[in-house]
Amino acid sequence: MKTRRHTVAVPHGYRIGTWIVDEHLAAGTFTTVYAAHRTHDTPLATTH
């Protein structure tokens, strides 16, 4: 099985507005999914 690279590499701790990236969850042909949380600790999974 071939390992895929992230479509967009976003480092742990990267800030997007009020969101902070926690970890990479999955990658597909057109998207990469990361877990993130708001600066006040609300969990979220986001695509980028």
PDB file of N, CA and C in Angstrom:
ATOM      1  N   MET A   1       0.832  -1.178   0.000  1.00  0.00           N
ATOM      2  CA  MET A   1       0.000   0.000   0.000  1.00  0.00           C
ATOM      3  C   MET A   1       0.882   1.248   0.000  1.00  0.00           C
ATOM      4  N   LYS A   2       0.547   2.212  -0.821  1.00  0.00           N
ATOM      5  CA  LYS A   2       1.315   3.446  -0.937  1.00  0.00           C
ATOM      6  C   LYS A   2       0.839   4.467   0.100  1.00  0.00           C
ATOM      7  N   THR A   3       1.782   5.106   0.777  1.00  0.00           N
ATOM      8  CA  THR A   3       1.454   6.141   1.753  1.00  0.00           C
ATOM      9  C   THR A   3       1.237   7.460   1.025  1.00  0.00           C
ATOM     10  N   ARG A   4       0.131   8.149   1.342  1.00  0.00           N
ATOM     11  CA  ARG A   4      -0.154   9.436   0.716  1.00  0.00           C
ATOM     12  C   ARG A   4       0.448  10.578   1.517  1.00  0.00           C
ATOM     13  N   ARG A   5       0.871  11.590   0.819  1.00  0.00           N
ATOM     14  CA  ARG A   5       1.306  12.817   1.471  1.00  0.00           C
ATOM     15  C   ARG A   5       0.074  13.669   1.735  1.00  0.00           C
ATOM     16  N   HIS A   6       0.192  14.580   2.672  1.00  0.00           N
ATOM     17  CA  HIS A   6      -0.897  15.514   2.933  1.00  0.00           C
ATOM     18  C   HIS A   6      -1.064  16.409   1.706  1.00  0.00           C
ATOM     19  N   THR A   7      -2.323  16.692   1.339  1.00  0.00           N
ATOM     20  CA  THR A   7      -2.588  17.601   0.232  1.00  0.00           C
ATOM     21  C   THR A   7      -2.018  18.977   0.554  1.00  0.00           C
ATOM     22  N   VAL A   8      -2.256  19.435   1.782  1.00  0.00           N
ATOM     23  CA  VAL A   8      -1.698  20.694   2.283  1.00  0.00           C
ATOM     24  C   VAL A   8      -1.113  20.388   3.650  1.00  0.00           C
ATOM     25  N   ALA A   9       0.177  20.586   3.824  1.00  0.00           N
ATOM     26  CA  ALA A   9       0.808  20.314   5.115  1.00  0.00           C
ATOM     27  C   ALA A   9       0.621  21.518   6.037  1.00  0.00           C
ATOM     28  N   VAL A  10      -0.085  21.310   7.143  1.00  0.00           N
ATOM     29  CA  VAL A  10      -0.312  22.367   8.126  1.00  0.00           C
ATOM     30  C   VAL A  10       0.293  21.887   9.442  1.00  0.00           C
ATOM     31  N   PRO A  11       1.246  22.611  10.004  1.00  0.00           N
ATOM     32  CA  PRO A  11       1.917  22.158  11.218  1.00  0.00           C
ATOM     33  C   PRO A  11       1.042  22.243  12.466  1.00  0.00           C
ATOM     34  N   HIS A  12       1.312  21.363  13.419  1.00  0.00           N
ATOM     35  CA  HIS A  12       0.634  21.385  14.719  1.00  0.00           C
ATOM     36  C   HIS A  12       0.824  22.766  15.332  1.00  0.00           C
ATOM     37  N   GLY A  13      -0.255  23.333  15.864  1.00  0.00           N
ATOM     38  CA  GLY A  13      -0.173  24.646  16.486  1.00  0.00           C
ATOM     39  C   GLY A  13      -0.415  25.813  15.540  1.00  0.00           C
ATOM     40  N   TYR A  14      -0.556  25.531  14.233  1.00  0.00           N
ATOM     41  CA  TYR A  14      -0.812  26.590  13.254  1.00  0.00           C
ATOM     42  C   TYR A  14      -2.159  27.227  13.556  1.00  0.00           C
ATOM     43  N   ARG A  15      -2.218  28.534  13.503  1.00  0.00           N
ATOM     44  CA  ARG A  15      -3.444  29.249  13.850  1.00  0.00           C
ATOM     45  C   ARG A  15      -4.172  29.703  12.589  1.00  0.00           C
ATOM     46  N   ILE A  16      -5.490  29.410  12.522  1.00  0.00           N
ATOM     47  CA  ILE A  16      -6.360  29.845  11.431  1.00  0.00           C
ATOM     48  C   ILE A  16      -7.491  30.623  12.091  1.00  0.00           C
ATOM     49  N   GLY A  17      -7.382  31.928  12.106  1.00  0.00           N
ATOM     50  CA  GLY A  17      -8.365  32.755  12.813  1.00  0.00           C
ATOM     51  C   GLY A  17      -8.323  32.437  14.296  1.00  0.00           C
ATOM     52  N   THR A  18      -9.476  31.997  14.849  1.00  0.00           N
ATOM     53  CA  THR A  18      -9.530  31.635  16.270  1.00  0.00           C
ATOM     54  C   THR A  18      -9.288  30.150  16.491  1.00  0.00           C
ATOM     55  N   TRP A  19      -8.921  29.411  15.427  1.00  0.00           N
ATOM     56  CA  TRP A  19      -8.701  27.968  15.511  1.00  0.00           C
ATOM     57  C   TRP A  19      -7.212  27.649  15.545  1.00  0.00           C
ATOM     58  N   ILE A  20      -6.852  26.590  16.288  1.00  0.00           N
ATOM     59  CA  ILE A  20      -5.477  26.111  16.361  1.00  0.00           C
ATOM     60  C   ILE A  20      -5.463  24.647  15.923  1.00  0.00           C
ATOM     61  N   VAL A  21      -4.612  24.309  14.952  1.00  0.00           N
ATOM     62  CA  VAL A  21      -4.531  22.951  14.417  1.00  0.00           C
ATOM     63  C   VAL A  21      -3.878  22.026  15.439  1.00  0.00           C
ATOM     64  N   ASP A  22      -4.524  20.862  15.675  1.00  0.00           N
ATOM     65  CA  ASP A  22      -3.996  19.871  16.610  1.00  0.00           C
ATOM     66  C   ASP A  22      -3.225  18.761  15.903  1.00  0.00           C
ATOM     67  N   GLU A  23      -3.879  18.081  14.948  1.00  0.00           N
ATOM     68  CA  GLU A  23      -3.218  16.951  14.291  1.00  0.00           C
ATOM     69  C   GLU A  23      -3.862  16.640  12.950  1.00  0.00           C
ATOM     70  N   HIS A  24      -3.109  15.979  12.092  1.00  0.00           N
ATOM     71  CA  HIS A  24      -3.602  15.498  10.804  1.00  0.00           C
ATOM     72  C   HIS A  24      -4.474  14.274  11.050  1.00  0.00           C
ATOM     73  N   LEU A  25      -5.657  14.215  10.423  1.00  0.00           N
ATOM     74  CA  LEU A  25      -6.550  13.066  10.573  1.00  0.00           C
ATOM     75  C   LEU A  25      -6.599  12.198   9.322  1.00  0.00           C
ATOM     76  N   ALA A  26      -6.697  12.804   8.146  1.00  0.00           N
ATOM     77  CA  ALA A  26      -6.839  12.027   6.913  1.00  0.00           C
ATOM     78  C   ALA A  26      -6.496  12.903   5.710  1.00  0.00           C
ATOM     79  N   ALA A  27      -6.213  12.233   4.577  1.00  0.00           N
ATOM     80  CA  ALA A  27      -5.957  12.953   3.331  1.00  0.00           C
ATOM     81  C   ALA A  27      -6.602  12.193   2.189  1.00  0.00           C
ATOM     82  N   GLY A  28      -7.154  12.931   1.244  1.00  0.00           N
ATOM     83  CA  GLY A  28      -7.759  12.343   0.063  1.00  0.00           C
ATOM     84  C   GLY A  28      -7.230  13.039  -1.178  1.00  0.00           C
ATOM     85  N   THR A  29      -7.895  12.821  -2.283  1.00  0.00           N
ATOM     86  CA  THR A  29      -7.460  13.403  -3.543  1.00  0.00           C
ATOM     87  C   THR A  29      -7.543  14.927  -3.539  1.00  0.00           C
ATOM     88  N   PHE A  30      -8.617  15.466  -2.962  1.00  0.00           N
ATOM     89  CA  PHE A  30      -8.843  16.908  -3.022  1.00  0.00           C
ATOM     90  C   PHE A  30      -8.785  17.626  -1.684  1.00  0.00           C
ATOM     91  N   THR A  31      -8.612  16.916  -0.590  1.00  0.00           N
ATOM     92  CA  THR A  31      -8.669  17.577   0.712  1.00  0.00           C
ATOM     93  C   THR A  31      -7.785  16.893   1.737  1.00  0.00           C
ATOM     94  N   THR A  32      -7.458  17.614   2.763  1.00  0.00           N
ATOM     95  CA  THR A  32      -6.743  17.103   3.921  1.00  0.00           C
ATOM     96  C   THR A  32      -7.556  17.494   5.143  1.00  0.00           C
ATOM     97  N   VAL A  33      -7.713  16.577   6.107  1.00  0.00           N
ATOM     98  CA  VAL A  33      -8.534  16.833   7.290  1.00  0.00           C
ATOM     99  C   VAL A  33      -7.640  16.900   8.521  1.00  0.00           C
ATOM    100  N   TYR A  34      -7.838  17.940   9.305  1.00  0.00           N
ATOM    101  CA  TYR A  34      -7.083  18.144  10.534  1.00  0.00           C
ATOM    102  C   TYR A  34      -8.041  18.301  11.703  1.00  0.00           C
ATOM    103  N   ALA A  35      -7.636  17.842  12.879  1.00  0.00           N
ATOM    104  CA  ALA A  35      -8.360  18.148  14.109  1.00  0.00           C
ATOM    105  C   ALA A  35      -7.874  19.520  14.553  1.00  0.00           C
ATOM    106  N   ALA A  36      -8.787  20.311  15.109  1.00  0.00           N
ATOM    107  CA  ALA A  36      -8.428  21.647  15.574  1.00  0.00           C
ATOM    108  C   ALA A  36      -9.294  22.012  16.768  1.00  0.00           C
ATOM    109  N   HIS A  37      -8.900  23.049  17.461  1.00  0.00           N
ATOM    110  CA  HIS A  37      -9.731  23.553  18.559  1.00  0.00           C
ATOM    111  C   HIS A  37      -9.690  25.074  18.551  1.00  0.00           C
ATOM    112  N   ARG A  38     -10.747  25.666  19.077  1.00  0.00           N
ATOM    113  CA  ARG A  38     -10.759  27.123  19.208  1.00  0.00           C
ATOM    114  C   ARG A  38      -9.857  27.501  20.358  1.00  0.00           C
ATOM    115  N   THR A  39      -9.476  28.729  20.398  1.00  0.00           N
ATOM    116  CA  THR A  39      -8.590  29.171  21.464  1.00  0.00           C
ATOM    117  C   THR A  39      -9.233  28.992  22.831  1.00  0.00           C
ATOM    118  N   HIS A  40     -10.561  28.793  22.871  1.00  0.00           N
ATOM    119  CA  HIS A  40     -11.229  28.505  24.143  1.00  0.00           C
ATOM    120  C   HIS A  40     -11.653  27.038  24.230  1.00  0.00           C
ATOM    121  N   ASP A  41     -10.887  26.141  23.555  1.00  0.00           N
ATOM    122  CA  ASP A  41     -10.946  24.677  23.696  1.00  0.00           C
ATOM    123  C   ASP A  41     -12.198  23.974  23.192  1.00  0.00           C
ATOM    124  N   THR A  42     -12.865  24.445  22.145  1.00  0.00           N
ATOM    125  CA  THR A  42     -13.960  23.721  21.517  1.00  0.00           C
ATOM    126  C   THR A  42     -13.376  22.826  20.424  1.00  0.00           C
ATOM    127  N   PRO A  43     -13.507  21.465  20.511  1.00  0.00           N
ATOM    128  CA  PRO A  43     -12.915  20.586  19.494  1.00  0.00           C
ATOM    129  C   PRO A  43     -13.636  20.669  18.143  1.00  0.00           C
ATOM    130  N   LEU A  44     -12.904  20.384  17.069  1.00  0.00           N
ATOM    131  CA  LEU A  44     -13.450  20.433  15.721  1.00  0.00           C
ATOM    132  C   LEU A  44     -12.562  19.622  14.789  1.00  0.00           C
ATOM    133  N   ALA A  45     -13.159  19.038  13.750  1.00  0.00           N
ATOM    134  CA  ALA A  45     -12.381  18.469  12.650  1.00  0.00           C
ATOM    135  C   ALA A  45     -12.635  19.373  11.455  1.00  0.00           C
ATOM    136  N   THR A  46     -11.588  19.790  10.778  1.00  0.00           N
ATOM    137  CA  THR A  46     -11.728  20.732   9.673  1.00  0.00           C
ATOM    138  C   THR A  46     -10.984  20.235   8.442  1.00  0.00           C
ATOM    139  N   THR A  47     -11.451  20.648   7.278  1.00  0.00           N
ATOM    140  CA  THR A  47     -10.724  20.343   6.043  1.00  0.00           C
ATOM    141  C   THR A  47     -10.028  21.602   5.590  1.00  0.00           C
ATOM    142  N   HIS A  48      -8.958  21.399   4.863  1.00  0.00           N
ATOM    143  CA  HIS A  48      -8.210  22.561   4.381  1.00  0.00           C
ATOM    144  C   HIS A  48      -7.710  22.276   2.996  1.00  0.00           C
TER     145      HIS A  48
END
